[in-house]
Amino acid sequence: MPKNLIIHNLEVRFQVDGDDGAVFQRLFNKHIQAWARLYEQECARAKHTETERKLGDHGSQT
């Protein structure tokens, strides 16, 4: 299972035309959703691998 990620301090600076908050929110949402999908896929792979490993261990005991 992937390790947890804790961000203690995050500073972001950017300059855009228009509403800075709205631009930041749109970009943040886009990238955090992409990161979340990758994280969920990695968790699923780790779980699948662990399940296969347990099946292999169980099969060798009989």
PDB file of N, CA and C in Angstrom:
ATOM      1  N   MET A   1       0.848  -1.170   0.000  1.00  0.00           N
ATOM      2  CA  MET A   1       0.000   0.000   0.000  1.00  0.00           C
ATOM      3  C   MET A   1       0.898   1.239   0.000  1.00  0.00           C
ATOM      4  N   PRO A   2       0.589   2.206  -0.831  1.00  0.00           N
ATOM      5  CA  PRO A   2       1.405   3.424  -0.881  1.00  0.00           C
ATOM      6  C   PRO A   2       1.398   4.142   0.466  1.00  0.00           C
ATOM      7  N   LYS A   3       2.474   4.816   0.744  1.00  0.00           N
ATOM      8  CA  LYS A   3       2.576   5.586   1.984  1.00  0.00           C
ATOM      9  C   LYS A   3       1.738   6.850   1.875  1.00  0.00           C
ATOM     10  N   ASN A   4       1.303   7.340   3.020  1.00  0.00           N
ATOM     11  CA  ASN A   4       0.532   8.584   3.053  1.00  0.00           C
ATOM     12  C   ASN A   4       1.441   9.766   2.769  1.00  0.00           C
ATOM     13  N   LEU A   5       0.881  10.775   2.186  1.00  0.00           N
ATOM     14  CA  LEU A   5       1.598  12.001   1.884  1.00  0.00           C
ATOM     15  C   LEU A   5       0.997  13.115   2.727  1.00  0.00           C
ATOM     16  N   ILE A   6       1.834  13.774   3.507  1.00  0.00           N
ATOM     17  CA  ILE A   6       1.374  14.881   4.333  1.00  0.00           C
ATOM     18  C   ILE A   6       2.116  16.135   3.890  1.00  0.00           C
ATOM     19  N   ILE A   7       1.360  17.147   3.526  1.00  0.00           N
ATOM     20  CA  ILE A   7       1.944  18.420   3.128  1.00  0.00           C
ATOM     21  C   ILE A   7       1.796  19.368   4.305  1.00  0.00           C
ATOM     22  N   HIS A   8       2.910  19.787   4.867  1.00  0.00           N
ATOM     23  CA  HIS A   8       2.875  20.674   6.020  1.00  0.00           C
ATOM     24  C   HIS A   8       2.816  22.136   5.603  1.00  0.00           C
ATOM     25  N   ASN A   9       3.443  22.474   4.501  1.00  0.00           N
ATOM     26  CA  ASN A   9       3.476  23.863   4.079  1.00  0.00           C
ATOM     27  C   ASN A   9       3.497  23.885   2.556  1.00  0.00           C
ATOM     28  N   LEU A  10       2.593  24.616   1.971  1.00  0.00           N
ATOM     29  CA  LEU A  10       2.525  24.714   0.518  1.00  0.00           C
ATOM     30  C   LEU A  10       2.334  26.178   0.155  1.00  0.00           C
ATOM     31  N   GLU A  11       3.241  26.672  -0.655  1.00  0.00           N
ATOM     32  CA  GLU A  11       3.131  28.050  -1.117  1.00  0.00           C
ATOM     33  C   GLU A  11       3.105  28.027  -2.632  1.00  0.00           C
ATOM     34  N   VAL A  12       2.099  28.661  -3.193  1.00  0.00           N
ATOM     35  CA  VAL A  12       1.936  28.694  -4.640  1.00  0.00           C
ATOM     36  C   VAL A  12       1.844  30.150  -5.061  1.00  0.00           C
ATOM     37  N   ARG A  13       2.640  30.528  -6.063  1.00  0.00           N
ATOM     38  CA  ARG A  13       2.579  31.887  -6.596  1.00  0.00           C
ATOM     39  C   ARG A  13       2.378  31.805  -8.104  1.00  0.00           C
ATOM     40  N   PHE A  14       1.452  32.578  -8.585  1.00  0.00           N
ATOM     41  CA  PHE A  14       1.223  32.641 -10.023  1.00  0.00           C
ATOM     42  C   PHE A  14       0.587  33.979 -10.360  1.00  0.00           C
ATOM     43  N   GLN A  15       0.750  34.342 -11.603  1.00  0.00           N
ATOM     44  CA  GLN A  15       0.173  35.594 -12.056  1.00  0.00           C
ATOM     45  C   GLN A  15      -0.689  35.274 -13.267  1.00  0.00           C
ATOM     46  N   VAL A  16      -1.949  35.644 -13.193  1.00  0.00           N
ATOM     47  CA  VAL A  16      -2.884  35.358 -14.282  1.00  0.00           C
ATOM     48  C   VAL A  16      -3.757  36.580 -14.537  1.00  0.00           C
ATOM     49  N   ASP A  17      -4.371  36.568 -15.686  1.00  0.00           N
ATOM     50  CA  ASP A  17      -5.352  37.600 -15.996  1.00  0.00           C
ATOM     51  C   ASP A  17      -6.699  37.117 -15.491  1.00  0.00           C
ATOM     52  N   GLY A  18      -7.448  37.972 -14.855  1.00  0.00           N
ATOM     53  CA  GLY A  18      -8.768  37.600 -14.355  1.00  0.00           C
ATOM     54  C   GLY A  18      -8.735  37.311 -12.871  1.00  0.00           C
ATOM     55  N   ASP A  19      -9.698  36.499 -12.422  1.00  0.00           N
ATOM     56  CA  ASP A  19      -9.871  36.168 -11.009  1.00  0.00           C
ATOM     57  C   ASP A  19      -8.861  35.100 -10.599  1.00  0.00           C
ATOM     58  N   ASP A  20      -7.835  35.512  -9.835  1.00  0.00           N
ATOM     59  CA  ASP A  20      -6.774  34.586  -9.414  1.00  0.00           C
ATOM     60  C   ASP A  20      -7.325  33.369  -8.687  1.00  0.00           C
ATOM     61  N   GLY A  21      -8.270  33.605  -7.791  1.00  0.00           N
ATOM     62  CA  GLY A  21      -8.839  32.508  -7.001  1.00  0.00           C
ATOM     63  C   GLY A  21      -9.523  31.476  -7.874  1.00  0.00           C
ATOM     64  N   ALA A  22     -10.278  31.931  -8.860  1.00  0.00           N
ATOM     65  CA  ALA A  22     -10.996  31.009  -9.743  1.00  0.00           C
ATOM     66  C   ALA A  22     -10.019  30.214 -10.600  1.00  0.00           C
ATOM     67  N   VAL A  23      -8.980  30.868 -11.093  1.00  0.00           N
ATOM     68  CA  VAL A  23      -7.980  30.177 -11.914  1.00  0.00           C
ATOM     69  C   VAL A  23      -7.256  29.137 -11.072  1.00  0.00           C
ATOM     70  N   PHE A  24      -6.847  29.532  -9.861  1.00  0.00           N
ATOM     71  CA  PHE A  24      -6.167  28.582  -8.987  1.00  0.00           C
ATOM     72  C   PHE A  24      -7.068  27.390  -8.688  1.00  0.00           C
ATOM     73  N   GLN A  25      -8.316  27.652  -8.355  1.00  0.00           N
ATOM     74  CA  GLN A  25      -9.242  26.569  -8.028  1.00  0.00           C
ATOM     75  C   GLN A  25      -9.422  25.618  -9.202  1.00  0.00           C
ATOM     76  N   ARG A  26      -9.573  26.145 -10.396  1.00  0.00           N
ATOM     77  CA  ARG A  26      -9.746  25.302 -11.586  1.00  0.00           C
ATOM     78  C   ARG A  26      -8.509  24.434 -11.821  1.00  0.00           C
ATOM     79  N   LEU A  27      -7.330  25.050 -11.768  1.00  0.00           N
ATOM     80  CA  LEU A  27      -6.105  24.285 -11.989  1.00  0.00           C
ATOM     81  C   LEU A  27      -5.848  23.280 -10.870  1.00  0.00           C
ATOM     82  N   PHE A  28      -6.082  23.700  -9.623  1.00  0.00           N
ATOM     83  CA  PHE A  28      -5.884  22.802  -8.492  1.00  0.00           C
ATOM     84  C   PHE A  28      -6.805  21.595  -8.615  1.00  0.00           C
ATOM     85  N   ASN A  29      -8.088  21.831  -8.885  1.00  0.00           N
ATOM     86  CA  ASN A  29      -9.041  20.732  -9.016  1.00  0.00           C
ATOM     87  C   ASN A  29      -8.631  19.771 -10.133  1.00  0.00           C
ATOM     88  N   LYS A  30      -8.205  20.313 -11.247  1.00  0.00           N
ATOM     89  CA  LYS A  30      -7.786  19.478 -12.375  1.00  0.00           C
ATOM     90  C   LYS A  30      -6.632  18.565 -11.966  1.00  0.00           C
ATOM     91  N   HIS A  31      -5.639  19.127 -11.324  1.00  0.00           N
ATOM     92  CA  HIS A  31      -4.450  18.356 -10.996  1.00  0.00           C
ATOM     93  C   HIS A  31      -4.643  17.453  -9.777  1.00  0.00           C
ATOM     94  N   ILE A  32      -5.427  17.872  -8.804  1.00  0.00           N
ATOM     95  CA  ILE A  32      -5.655  17.008  -7.643  1.00  0.00           C
ATOM     96  C   ILE A  32      -6.511  15.818  -8.044  1.00  0.00           C
ATOM     97  N   GLN A  33      -7.431  16.011  -8.976  1.00  0.00           N
ATOM     98  CA  GLN A  33      -8.239  14.885  -9.455  1.00  0.00           C
ATOM     99  C   GLN A  33      -7.372  13.894 -10.226  1.00  0.00           C
ATOM    100  N   ALA A  34      -6.449  14.390 -11.037  1.00  0.00           N
ATOM    101  CA  ALA A  34      -5.533  13.503 -11.760  1.00  0.00           C
ATOM    102  C   ALA A  34      -4.660  12.735 -10.771  1.00  0.00           C
ATOM    103  N   TRP A  35      -4.158  13.428  -9.751  1.00  0.00           N
ATOM    104  CA  TRP A  35      -3.334  12.769  -8.736  1.00  0.00           C
ATOM    105  C   TRP A  35      -4.145  11.712  -7.993  1.00  0.00           C
ATOM    106  N   ALA A  36      -5.394  12.046  -7.647  1.00  0.00           N
ATOM    107  CA  ALA A  36      -6.247  11.108  -6.911  1.00  0.00           C
ATOM    108  C   ALA A  36      -6.511   9.854  -7.735  1.00  0.00           C
ATOM    109  N   ARG A  37      -6.737   9.999  -9.035  1.00  0.00           N
ATOM    110  CA  ARG A  37      -6.948   8.820  -9.901  1.00  0.00           C
ATOM    111  C   ARG A  37      -5.709   7.933  -9.911  1.00  0.00           C
ATOM    112  N   LEU A  38      -4.540   8.543 -10.044  1.00  0.00           N
ATOM    113  CA  LEU A  38      -3.299   7.768 -10.037  1.00  0.00           C
ATOM    114  C   LEU A  38      -3.087   7.081  -8.693  1.00  0.00           C
ATOM    115  N   TYR A  39      -3.384   7.780  -7.608  1.00  0.00           N
ATOM    116  CA  TYR A  39      -3.234   7.201  -6.269  1.00  0.00           C
ATOM    117  C   TYR A  39      -4.180   6.018  -6.083  1.00  0.00           C
ATOM    118  N   GLU A  40      -5.437   6.175  -6.513  1.00  0.00           N
ATOM    119  CA  GLU A  40      -6.406   5.083  -6.404  1.00  0.00           C
ATOM    120  C   GLU A  40      -5.980   3.881  -7.245  1.00  0.00           C
ATOM    121  N   GLN A  41      -5.438   4.130  -8.427  1.00  0.00           N
ATOM    122  CA  GLN A  41      -4.947   3.033  -9.264  1.00  0.00           C
ATOM    123  C   GLN A  41      -3.792   2.311  -8.592  1.00  0.00           C
ATOM    124  N   GLU A  42      -2.893   3.057  -7.982  1.00  0.00           N
ATOM    125  CA  GLU A  42      -1.757   2.452  -7.289  1.00  0.00           C
ATOM    126  C   GLU A  42      -2.229   1.639  -6.087  1.00  0.00           C
ATOM    127  N   CYS A  43      -3.196   2.155  -5.351  1.00  0.00           N
ATOM    128  CA  CYS A  43      -3.752   1.409  -4.217  1.00  0.00           C
ATOM    129  C   CYS A  43      -4.404   0.114  -4.694  1.00  0.00           C
ATOM    130  N   ALA A  44      -5.141   0.184  -5.794  1.00  0.00           N
ATOM    131  CA  ALA A  44      -5.787  -1.010  -6.333  1.00  0.00           C
ATOM    132  C   ALA A  44      -4.745  -2.034  -6.783  1.00  0.00           C
ATOM    133  N   ARG A  45      -3.667  -1.561  -7.420  1.00  0.00           N
ATOM    134  CA  ARG A  45      -2.594  -2.480  -7.828  1.00  0.00           C
ATOM    135  C   ARG A  45      -1.945  -3.139  -6.620  1.00  0.00           C
ATOM    136  N   ALA A  46      -1.701  -2.346  -5.579  1.00  0.00           N
ATOM    137  CA  ALA A  46      -1.078  -2.887  -4.366  1.00  0.00           C
ATOM    138  C   ALA A  46      -1.998  -3.918  -3.711  1.00  0.00           C
ATOM    139  N   LYS A  47      -3.288  -3.630  -3.657  1.00  0.00           N
ATOM    140  CA  LYS A  47      -4.247  -4.568  -3.071  1.00  0.00           C
ATOM    141  C   LYS A  47      -4.312  -5.851  -3.892  1.00  0.00           C
ATOM    142  N   HIS A  48      -4.335  -5.719  -5.210  1.00  0.00           N
ATOM    143  CA  HIS A  48      -4.381  -6.877  -6.098  1.00  0.00           C
ATOM    144  C   HIS A  48      -3.122  -7.735  -5.915  1.00  0.00           C
ATOM    145  N   THR A  49      -1.972  -7.079  -5.840  1.00  0.00           N
ATOM    146  CA  THR A  49      -0.714  -7.792  -5.647  1.00  0.00           C
ATOM    147  C   THR A  49      -0.713  -8.522  -4.308  1.00  0.00           C
ATOM    148  N   GLU A  50      -1.187  -7.860  -3.265  1.00  0.00           N
ATOM    149  CA  GLU A  50      -1.253  -8.487  -1.939  1.00  0.00           C
ATOM    150  C   GLU A  50      -2.199  -9.694  -1.956  1.00  0.00           C
ATOM    151  N   THR A  51      -3.325  -9.555  -2.629  1.00  0.00           N
ATOM    152  CA  THR A  51      -4.270 -10.667  -2.736  1.00  0.00           C
ATOM    153  C   THR A  51      -3.634 -11.845  -3.466  1.00  0.00           C
ATOM    154  N   GLU A  52      -2.959 -11.573  -4.563  1.00  0.00           N
ATOM    155  CA  GLU A  52      -2.287 -12.645  -5.306  1.00  0.00           C
ATOM    156  C   GLU A  52      -1.203 -13.294  -4.460  1.00  0.00           C
ATOM    157  N   ARG A  53      -0.479 -12.506  -3.707  1.00  0.00           N
ATOM    158  CA  ARG A  53       0.584 -13.027  -2.842  1.00  0.00           C
ATOM    159  C   ARG A  53      -0.006 -13.957  -1.785  1.00  0.00           C
ATOM    160  N   LYS A  54      -1.143 -13.552  -1.196  1.00  0.00           N
ATOM    161  CA  LYS A  54      -1.804 -14.385  -0.188  1.00  0.00           C
ATOM    162  C   LYS A  54      -2.301 -15.680  -0.801  1.00  0.00           C
ATOM    163  N   LEU A  55      -2.838 -15.613  -2.007  1.00  0.00           N
ATOM    164  CA  LEU A  55      -3.301 -16.833  -2.694  1.00  0.00           C
ATOM    165  C   LEU A  55      -2.133 -17.770  -2.948  1.00  0.00           C
ATOM    166  N   GLY A  56      -1.011 -17.199  -3.354  1.00  0.00           N
ATOM    167  CA  GLY A  56       0.184 -18.016  -3.598  1.00  0.00           C
ATOM    168  C   GLY A  56       0.683 -18.653  -2.315  1.00  0.00           C
ATOM    169  N   ASP A  57       0.666 -17.925  -1.202  1.00  0.00           N
ATOM    170  CA  ASP A  57       1.096 -18.472   0.080  1.00  0.00           C
ATOM    171  C   ASP A  57       0.163 -19.578   0.541  1.00  0.00           C
ATOM    172  N   HIS A  58      -1.134 -19.375   0.365  1.00  0.00           N
ATOM    173  CA  HIS A  58      -2.128 -20.361   0.798  1.00  0.00           C
ATOM    174  C   HIS A  58      -1.986 -21.650  -0.014  1.00  0.00           C
ATOM    175  N   GLY A  59      -1.757 -21.500  -1.307  1.00  0.00           N
ATOM    176  CA  GLY A  59      -1.632 -22.671  -2.171  1.00  0.00           C
ATOM    177  C   GLY A  59      -0.424 -23.517  -1.836  1.00  0.00           C
ATOM    178  N   SER A  60       0.660 -22.922  -1.339  1.00  0.00           N
ATOM    179  CA  SER A  60       1.863 -23.669  -1.044  1.00  0.00           C
ATOM    180  C   SER A  60       1.759 -24.419   0.291  1.00  0.00           C
ATOM    181  N   GLN A  61       0.759 -24.078   1.131  1.00  0.00           N
ATOM    182  CA  GLN A  61       0.616 -24.724   2.435  1.00  0.00           C
ATOM    183  C   GLN A  61      -0.123 -26.041   2.327  1.00  0.00           C
ATOM    184  N   THR A  62      -0.877 -26.265   1.254  1.00  0.00           N
ATOM    185  CA  THR A  62      -1.660 -27.493   1.133  1.00  0.00           C
ATOM    186  C   THR A  62      -0.890 -28.599   0.509  1.00  0.00           C
TER     187      THR A  62
END
